[in-house]
């Protein structure tokens, strides 16, 4: 897109230059141009062509850098999201292990107290042994009863000792598992901190590259041409995705009945202030085909409706973009993302996270580009969303 802008600008300058040179030649040499004048004009033409080539190459290199940086940011952002999920799971495990350890501690305390009582009872029983009972001349039934009591007391003591031992073993295992989870938590926090630092570094590089690109197309003509080229690139990608959409419709595990019946009931992909509205001026006579919603970086982008992902890639001008096919020729577009959470062929449900908000594609602030197309034609998405 940028190269076309530059091409338009330079062609204008080139044409004007050639016209001026020809006028000069016609005035100074009405019959024929001198070899020197012709040589000078050729040199100027060559200089203009080299300048155009240099601008185009520089712009393409900057766009390649931006793509690489934003793909790297997307990878780190996904890793951070996964690490946070692992961390949340680990913290739940730690909480469960702490609760179980407390339960076992209470159980162990009760078992120790019971064993104390049993040992005390057995000690007292020992003071009235069977020999003492026989010498005392007690009834044989009393002696038998005391013998049975002693046996039961001994068995209860043995059972209590075994239960206490089992509790101690389980408690040790829980403590070991708890220590393991705590170590895992420390590692995850360390990794998260390192990833965050790397992400911030990549984002600084991204901003520098985006600023360089903006300087390359600072003129209105340049910006307009780039936007038009972006639109053409999107159409090319959609043509490529058409076959994928057909396959998705055949293999769909979700409803692919289009959006027609759901007007006013689609899920907002993100909540936030609308920065650019459908149909408002983007540049010159070019209008916005969708809306741009302001949202914090890293916030989850939700699918507006059930469907199948037919595009999940970096696209010049739109950054990291997801396109969901809803069937019947209806599609929704989600651009400027920091990271993509779904791959081509994935089925999604309404409200399911499909991306993370970002500022990819060279945007100056974070937000989401959201568009709806029906039979290939852009339509105002706002009336389709829940009110």
Protein backbone atom coordinates (compact mmCIF):
# COMPACT_ATOMS: atom_id res chain seq x y z
CA UNK A 1 0.00 0.00 0.00
CA UNK A 2 2.75 2.41 0.94
CA UNK A 3 4.62 1.80 -2.29
CA UNK A 4 1.54 2.69 -4.32
CA UNK A 5 1.20 5.93 -2.42
CA UNK A 6 4.79 6.80 -3.13
CA UNK A 7 4.34 5.69 -6.73
CA UNK A 8 1.39 8.06 -7.15
CA UNK A 9 3.30 10.94 -5.56
CA UNK A 10 6.45 10.34 -7.53
CA UNK A 11 4.59 9.84 -10.78
CA UNK A 12 3.01 13.25 -10.33
CA UNK A 13 6.38 14.81 -9.59
CA UNK A 14 7.93 12.87 -12.45
CA UNK A 15 5.28 13.98 -14.96
CA UNK A 16 5.58 17.59 -13.88
CA UNK A 17 9.35 17.41 -14.15
CA UNK A 18 9.23 15.91 -17.64
CA UNK A 19 6.73 18.53 -18.77
CA UNK A 20 8.89 21.31 -17.39
CA UNK A 21 11.98 19.93 -19.07
CA UNK A 22 10.21 19.60 -22.39
CA UNK A 23 8.97 23.18 -22.15
CA UNK A 24 12.48 24.37 -21.42
CA UNK A 25 13.84 22.41 -24.35
CA UNK A 26 11.20 23.73 -26.73
CA UNK A 27 11.97 27.32 -25.74
CA UNK A 28 15.74 27.07 -25.87
CA UNK A 29 15.92 24.78 -28.88
CA UNK A 30 12.87 25.18 -31.13
CA UNK A 31 14.20 22.89 -33.82
CA UNK A 32 15.97 20.08 -31.94
CA UNK A 33 17.25 19.41 -28.44
CA UNK A 34 20.98 19.31 -28.03
CA UNK A 35 22.66 16.11 -26.91
CA UNK A 36 23.60 17.85 -23.69
CA UNK A 37 19.98 18.76 -22.91
CA UNK A 38 18.75 15.27 -23.72
CA UNK A 39 21.44 13.77 -21.54
CA UNK A 40 20.45 16.05 -18.66
CA UNK A 41 16.80 15.04 -18.97
CA UNK A 42 17.70 11.35 -19.01
CA UNK A 43 19.84 11.82 -15.92
CA UNK A 44 16.97 13.53 -14.10
CA UNK A 45 14.57 10.76 -15.12
CA UNK A 46 17.05 8.18 -13.88
CA UNK A 47 17.44 10.08 -10.58
CA UNK A 48 13.66 10.17 -10.07
CA UNK A 49 13.35 6.45 -10.80
CA UNK A 50 16.14 5.64 -8.33
CA UNK A 51 14.51 7.82 -5.67
CA UNK A 52 11.16 6.09 -6.20
CA UNK A 53 12.82 2.68 -5.98
CA UNK A 54 14.68 3.71 -2.83
CA UNK A 55 11.48 4.96 -1.14
CA UNK A 56 9.61 1.80 -2.10
CA UNK A 57 12.35 -0.49 -0.81
CA UNK A 58 12.64 1.46 2.43
CA UNK A 59 8.88 1.38 3.00
CA UNK A 60 8.68 -2.35 2.24
CA UNK A 61 11.58 -3.00 4.63
CA UNK A 62 9.84 -0.99 7.37
CA UNK A 63 6.60 -2.91 6.82
CA UNK A 64 8.51 -6.20 7.01
CA UNK A 65 10.08 -5.05 10.29
CA UNK A 66 6.67 -4.05 11.65
CA UNK A 67 5.20 -7.43 10.73
CA UNK A 68 8.08 -9.27 12.41
CA UNK A 69 7.86 -7.13 15.56
CA UNK A 70 4.09 -7.49 15.86
CA UNK A 71 4.24 -11.24 15.34
CA UNK A 72 6.88 -11.41 18.07
CA UNK A 73 4.67 -9.30 20.36
CA UNK A 74 1.74 -11.64 19.60
CA UNK A 75 3.81 -14.68 20.56
CA UNK A 76 4.95 -13.12 23.85
CA UNK A 77 1.41 -11.91 24.65
CA UNK A 78 0.04 -15.45 24.13
CA UNK A 79 2.79 -16.87 26.34
CA UNK A 80 1.97 -14.33 29.05
CA UNK A 81 -1.71 -15.21 28.82
CA UNK A 82 -0.92 -18.93 29.14
CA UNK A 83 1.47 -18.26 32.03
CA UNK A 84 -1.20 -16.24 33.86
CA UNK A 85 -3.65 -19.12 33.36
CA UNK A 86 -1.06 -21.60 34.71
CA UNK A 87 -0.38 -19.26 37.62
CA UNK A 88 -4.09 -19.04 38.45
CA UNK A 89 -4.34 -22.86 38.38
CA UNK A 90 -1.23 -23.18 40.57
CA UNK A 91 -2.62 -20.69 43.09
CA UNK A 92 -5.85 -22.73 43.28
CA UNK A 93 -3.80 -25.88 43.83
CA UNK A 94 -1.84 -24.15 46.59
CA UNK A 95 -5.05 -23.00 48.26
CA UNK A 96 -6.51 -26.54 48.05
CA UNK A 97 -3.31 -28.07 49.45
CA UNK A 98 -3.26 -25.56 52.32
CA UNK A 99 -6.86 -26.39 53.15
CA UNK A 100 -6.15 -30.15 53.02
CA UNK A 101 -3.03 -29.72 55.18
CA UNK A 102 -5.05 -27.86 57.80
CA UNK A 103 -7.67 -30.63 57.76
CA UNK A 104 -4.98 -33.26 58.21
CA UNK A 105 -3.38 -31.27 61.04
CA UNK A 106 -6.73 -31.17 62.85
CA UNK A 107 -7.24 -34.88 62.19
CA UNK A 108 -3.76 -35.66 63.49
CA UNK A 109 -4.38 -33.60 66.64
CA UNK A 110 -7.57 -35.56 67.34
CA UNK A 111 -5.80 -38.87 66.72
CA UNK A 112 -2.96 -37.93 69.11
CA UNK A 113 -5.48 -36.98 71.82
CA UNK A 114 -7.34 -40.27 71.30
CA UNK A 115 -4.10 -42.23 71.55
CA UNK A 116 -3.24 -40.44 74.79
CA UNK A 117 -6.58 -41.47 76.26
CA UNK A 118 -6.13 -45.08 75.12
CA UNK A 119 -2.64 -45.26 76.56
CA UNK A 120 -3.88 -43.78 79.83
CA UNK A 121 -6.75 -46.29 79.95
CA UNK A 122 -4.38 -49.14 79.23
CA UNK A 123 -2.06 -47.95 81.99
CA UNK A 124 -4.95 -47.89 84.45
CA UNK A 125 -6.02 -51.33 83.24
CA UNK A 126 -2.51 -52.59 83.94
CA UNK A 127 -2.92 -51.61 87.59
CA UNK A 128 -5.79 -54.14 87.81
CA UNK A 129 -4.26 -57.06 85.95
CA UNK A 130 -5.86 -60.49 85.71
CA UNK A 131 -3.42 -61.88 88.35
CA UNK A 132 -4.52 -59.22 90.85
CA UNK A 133 -8.13 -60.04 90.03
CA UNK A 134 -7.61 -63.76 90.57
CA UNK A 135 -5.74 -63.22 93.88
CA UNK A 136 -8.43 -60.89 95.05
CA UNK A 137 -10.97 -63.67 94.70
CA UNK A 138 -13.21 -61.81 92.23
CA UNK A 139 -15.85 -63.60 90.23
CA UNK A 140 -14.70 -65.37 87.05
CA UNK A 141 -17.24 -63.35 84.97
CA UNK A 142 -15.65 -60.10 86.11
CA UNK A 143 -12.23 -61.46 85.14
CA UNK A 144 -13.49 -62.45 81.64
CA UNK A 145 -15.13 -59.06 81.18
CA UNK A 146 -11.91 -57.25 82.07
CA UNK A 147 -9.96 -59.51 79.69
CA UNK A 148 -12.28 -58.63 76.77
CA UNK A 149 -12.04 -54.95 77.67
CA UNK A 150 -8.24 -55.16 77.70
CA UNK A 151 -8.18 -56.83 74.29
CA UNK A 152 -10.49 -54.19 72.79
CA UNK A 153 -8.43 -51.43 74.37
CA UNK A 154 -5.25 -52.90 72.87
CA UNK A 155 -6.84 -53.17 69.41
CA UNK A 156 -8.15 -49.59 69.61
CA UNK A 157 -4.67 -48.41 70.55
CA UNK A 158 -3.11 -50.30 67.62
CA UNK A 159 -5.72 -48.89 65.19
CA UNK A 160 -5.14 -45.36 66.51
CA UNK A 161 -1.37 -45.72 66.04
CA UNK A 162 -1.87 -46.98 62.45
CA UNK A 163 -4.28 -44.13 61.61
CA UNK A 164 -1.89 -41.57 63.07
CA UNK A 165 0.96 -43.02 61.01
CA UNK A 166 -1.15 -42.90 57.83
CA UNK A 167 -2.15 -39.31 58.56
CA UNK A 168 1.50 -38.35 59.12
CA UNK A 169 2.46 -39.92 55.77
CA UNK A 170 -0.37 -38.16 53.92
CA UNK A 171 0.51 -34.88 55.60
CA UNK A 172 4.14 -35.19 54.49
CA UNK A 173 3.03 -35.89 50.91
CA UNK A 174 0.73 -32.84 50.93
CA UNK A 175 3.52 -30.65 52.28
CA UNK A 176 5.86 -31.89 49.55
CA UNK A 177 3.21 -31.22 46.88
CA UNK A 178 2.63 -27.77 48.37
CA UNK A 179 6.34 -26.93 48.26
CA UNK A 180 6.48 -28.12 44.64
CA UNK A 181 3.55 -25.87 43.69
CA UNK A 182 5.09 -22.90 45.51
CA UNK A 183 8.34 -23.42 43.56
CA UNK A 184 6.33 -23.65 40.33
CA UNK A 185 4.56 -20.41 41.26
CA UNK A 186 7.90 -18.64 41.77
CA UNK A 187 9.13 -19.88 38.37
CA UNK A 188 5.95 -18.75 36.63
CA UNK A 189 6.15 -15.30 38.24
CA UNK A 190 9.79 -15.02 37.17
CA UNK A 191 8.91 -16.05 33.60
CA UNK A 192 6.00 -13.62 33.53
CA UNK A 193 8.28 -10.78 34.63
CA UNK A 194 10.87 -11.66 31.96
CA UNK A 195 8.20 -11.92 29.24
CA UNK A 196 6.74 -8.56 30.29
CA UNK A 197 10.15 -6.88 29.97
CA UNK A 198 10.66 -8.47 26.54
CA UNK A 199 7.17 -7.41 25.45
CA UNK A 200 7.80 -3.80 26.48
CA UNK A 201 11.08 -3.80 24.53
CA UNK A 202 9.37 -5.13 21.39
CA UNK A 203 6.59 -2.55 21.77
CA UNK A 204 9.14 0.26 21.89
CA UNK A 205 10.66 -1.02 18.65
CA UNK A 206 7.19 -1.33 17.16
CA UNK A 207 6.40 2.32 17.92
CA UNK A 208 9.66 3.49 16.33
CA UNK A 209 8.96 1.49 13.18
CA UNK A 210 5.35 2.71 13.00
CA UNK A 211 6.57 6.32 13.32
CA UNK A 212 9.07 5.77 10.50
CA UNK A 213 6.28 4.40 8.30
CA UNK A 214 4.10 7.40 9.05
CA UNK A 215 6.95 9.72 8.04
CA UNK A 216 7.29 7.82 4.77
CA UNK A 217 3.63 8.49 3.88
CA UNK A 218 3.15 11.83 5.60
CA UNK A 219 1.33 13.43 2.64
CA UNK A 220 -2.46 13.09 2.28
CA UNK A 221 -2.03 11.54 -1.16
CA UNK A 222 0.41 9.02 0.22
CA UNK A 223 -1.87 8.07 3.10
CA UNK A 224 -4.92 7.76 0.84
CA UNK A 225 -3.08 5.52 -1.62
CA UNK A 226 -1.86 3.31 1.24
CA UNK A 227 -5.41 2.95 2.60
CA UNK A 228 -6.69 1.98 -0.83
CA UNK A 229 -3.97 -0.60 -1.19
CA UNK A 230 -4.84 -1.98 2.25
CA UNK A 231 -8.41 -2.46 1.12
CA UNK A 232 -7.21 -4.28 -2.00
CA UNK A 233 -5.01 -6.54 0.11
CA UNK A 234 -7.97 -7.38 2.32
CA UNK A 235 -10.07 -8.32 -0.73
CA UNK A 236 -7.29 -10.58 -1.99
CA UNK A 237 -7.11 -12.31 1.39
CA UNK A 238 -10.89 -12.74 1.42
CA UNK A 239 -10.79 -14.34 -2.02
CA UNK A 240 -8.20 -16.77 -0.68
CA UNK A 241 -10.42 -17.42 2.34
CA UNK A 242 -13.49 -18.13 0.19
CA UNK A 243 -12.55 -21.79 -0.29
CA UNK A 244 -11.80 -22.09 3.42
CA UNK A 245 -15.23 -20.64 4.15
CA UNK A 246 -16.86 -23.23 1.89
CA UNK A 247 -15.02 -26.07 3.65
CA UNK A 248 -15.87 -24.53 7.04
CA UNK A 249 -19.57 -24.49 6.15
CA UNK A 250 -19.43 -28.18 5.24
CA UNK A 251 -17.57 -29.21 8.39
CA UNK A 252 -19.10 -26.69 10.79
CA UNK A 253 -19.79 -27.82 14.33
CA UNK A 254 -21.68 -24.60 15.02
CA UNK A 255 -24.66 -22.95 13.40
CA UNK A 256 -23.75 -21.35 10.07
CA UNK A 257 -27.12 -19.77 9.37
CA UNK A 258 -25.83 -16.24 8.86
CA UNK A 259 -26.52 -13.08 10.85
CA UNK A 260 -29.88 -12.13 9.36
CA UNK A 261 -31.97 -13.43 12.27
CA UNK A 262 -29.72 -11.92 14.92
CA UNK A 263 -29.70 -8.20 14.12
CA UNK A 264 -29.45 -6.23 17.36
CA UNK A 265 -28.41 -9.35 19.28
CA UNK A 266 -24.73 -9.80 18.40
CA UNK A 267 -22.14 -9.69 21.18
CA UNK A 268 -19.96 -6.59 21.41
CA UNK A 269 -16.42 -7.78 20.64
CA UNK A 270 -15.12 -5.31 23.26
CA UNK A 271 -16.72 -2.57 25.30
CA UNK A 272 -15.37 0.94 24.85
CA UNK A 273 -15.72 4.32 23.21
CA UNK A 274 -16.20 4.30 19.44
CA UNK A 275 -13.29 6.29 17.97
CA UNK A 276 -14.33 6.00 14.31
CA UNK A 277 -17.85 5.28 13.11
CA UNK A 278 -18.96 3.43 10.01
CA UNK A 279 -19.16 5.72 6.99
CA UNK A 280 -17.17 8.56 8.57
CA UNK A 281 -14.25 10.02 6.58
CA UNK A 282 -11.01 8.11 6.81
CA UNK A 283 -9.03 10.13 4.24
CA UNK A 284 -10.18 12.14 1.24
CA UNK A 285 -13.22 10.39 -0.19
CA UNK A 286 -12.35 7.12 1.51
CA UNK A 287 -14.79 6.13 4.29
CA UNK A 288 -14.52 3.73 7.22
CA UNK A 289 -15.96 0.30 6.35
CA UNK A 290 -16.24 -0.63 10.02
CA UNK A 291 -15.84 0.91 13.46
CA UNK A 292 -12.83 1.38 15.72
CA UNK A 293 -13.48 0.76 19.42
CA UNK A 294 -11.08 2.09 22.04
CA UNK A 295 -9.97 -0.60 24.52
CA UNK A 296 -7.02 -1.36 26.77
CA UNK A 297 -4.18 -3.42 25.37
CA UNK A 298 -4.43 -7.11 26.20
CA UNK A 299 -8.19 -7.07 26.77
CA UNK A 300 -10.02 -10.11 25.34
CA UNK A 301 -11.76 -9.71 21.98
CA UNK A 302 -14.98 -11.77 21.84
CA UNK A 303 -16.61 -13.37 18.79
CA UNK A 304 -19.75 -11.45 17.87
CA UNK A 305 -21.57 -14.64 16.86
CA UNK A 306 -21.06 -18.36 16.24
CA UNK A 307 -18.92 -19.21 13.25
CA UNK A 308 -15.69 -20.60 11.84
CA UNK A 309 -12.36 -18.79 11.58
CA UNK A 310 -11.35 -18.38 7.91
CA UNK A 311 -8.48 -15.90 8.36
CA UNK A 312 -6.04 -15.52 11.24
CA UNK A 313 -2.93 -13.65 10.18
CA UNK A 314 -1.04 -10.37 9.96
CA UNK A 315 -2.35 -8.13 7.20
CA UNK A 316 -0.68 -4.87 6.19
CA UNK A 317 -2.71 -1.91 7.40
CA UNK A 318 -4.91 -4.07 9.67
CA UNK A 319 -2.20 -5.76 11.74
CA UNK A 320 -3.13 -9.08 13.33
CA UNK A 321 -6.62 -9.87 12.09
CA UNK A 322 -9.23 -12.58 12.63
CA UNK A 323 -12.10 -13.13 10.19
CA UNK A 324 -15.04 -15.30 11.25
CA UNK A 325 -17.43 -16.76 8.70
CA UNK A 326 -21.03 -17.02 9.97
CA UNK A 327 -22.50 -18.67 6.88
CA UNK A 328 -24.89 -17.32 4.23
CA UNK A 329 -22.18 -14.90 3.03
CA UNK A 330 -21.91 -13.11 6.40
CA UNK A 331 -18.50 -12.43 7.96
CA UNK A 332 -17.12 -10.39 10.86
CA UNK A 333 -13.63 -8.85 10.99
CA UNK A 334 -11.45 -8.10 14.02
CA UNK A 335 -8.25 -6.10 13.38
CA UNK A 336 -5.41 -4.20 15.14
CA UNK A 337 -5.00 -7.08 17.64
CA UNK A 338 -2.01 -7.70 19.89
CA UNK A 339 -2.35 -11.48 19.63
CA UNK A 340 -4.59 -14.02 17.91
CA UNK A 341 -6.06 -16.86 19.98
CA UNK A 342 -7.68 -18.85 17.18
CA UNK A 343 -6.41 -20.57 14.04
CA UNK A 344 -7.99 -21.04 10.62
CA UNK A 345 -10.59 -23.80 10.82
CA UNK A 346 -11.40 -23.29 14.51
CA UNK A 347 -15.08 -23.02 15.38
CA UNK A 348 -16.10 -20.31 17.84
CA UNK A 349 -19.17 -19.52 19.90
CA UNK A 350 -20.67 -16.10 20.53
CA UNK A 351 -18.71 -14.36 23.31
CA UNK A 352 -15.72 -16.71 23.05
CA UNK A 353 -12.27 -14.99 23.23
CA UNK A 354 -10.61 -14.97 19.80
CA UNK A 355 -7.89 -12.31 20.18
CA UNK A 356 -6.33 -9.72 22.48
CA UNK A 357 -6.72 -5.96 21.89
CA UNK A 358 -3.63 -4.20 20.57
CA UNK A 359 -2.34 -1.55 18.18
CA UNK A 360 -0.83 -3.70 15.43
CA UNK A 361 -0.69 -2.52 11.84
CA UNK A 362 1.04 0.71 12.88
CA UNK A 363 -1.83 2.19 14.93
CA UNK A 364 -1.03 5.04 17.31
CA UNK A 365 -3.30 3.77 20.12
CA UNK A 366 -4.77 0.46 21.22
CA UNK A 367 -8.23 -0.48 20.05
CA UNK A 368 -10.21 -2.90 17.89
CA UNK A 369 -11.20 -2.55 14.25
CA UNK A 370 -14.55 -4.31 13.81
CA UNK A 371 -16.36 -4.81 10.52
CA UNK A 372 -19.30 -6.83 9.23
CA UNK A 373 -19.69 -7.83 5.59
CA UNK A 374 -22.73 -9.38 3.96
CA UNK A 375 -22.24 -10.92 0.54
CA UNK A 376 -18.91 -9.10 0.36
CA UNK A 377 -20.38 -5.65 1.11
CA UNK A 378 -19.48 -3.73 4.27
CA UNK A 379 -22.45 -2.82 6.45
CA UNK A 380 -22.75 -0.64 9.54
CA UNK A 381 -22.01 -3.06 12.42
CA UNK A 382 -23.46 -0.91 15.22
CA UNK A 383 -27.17 -1.77 14.67
CA UNK A 384 -26.26 -5.47 14.69
CA UNK A 385 -24.80 -5.36 18.19
CA UNK A 386 -26.79 -5.69 21.42
CA UNK A 387 -28.17 -2.38 22.62
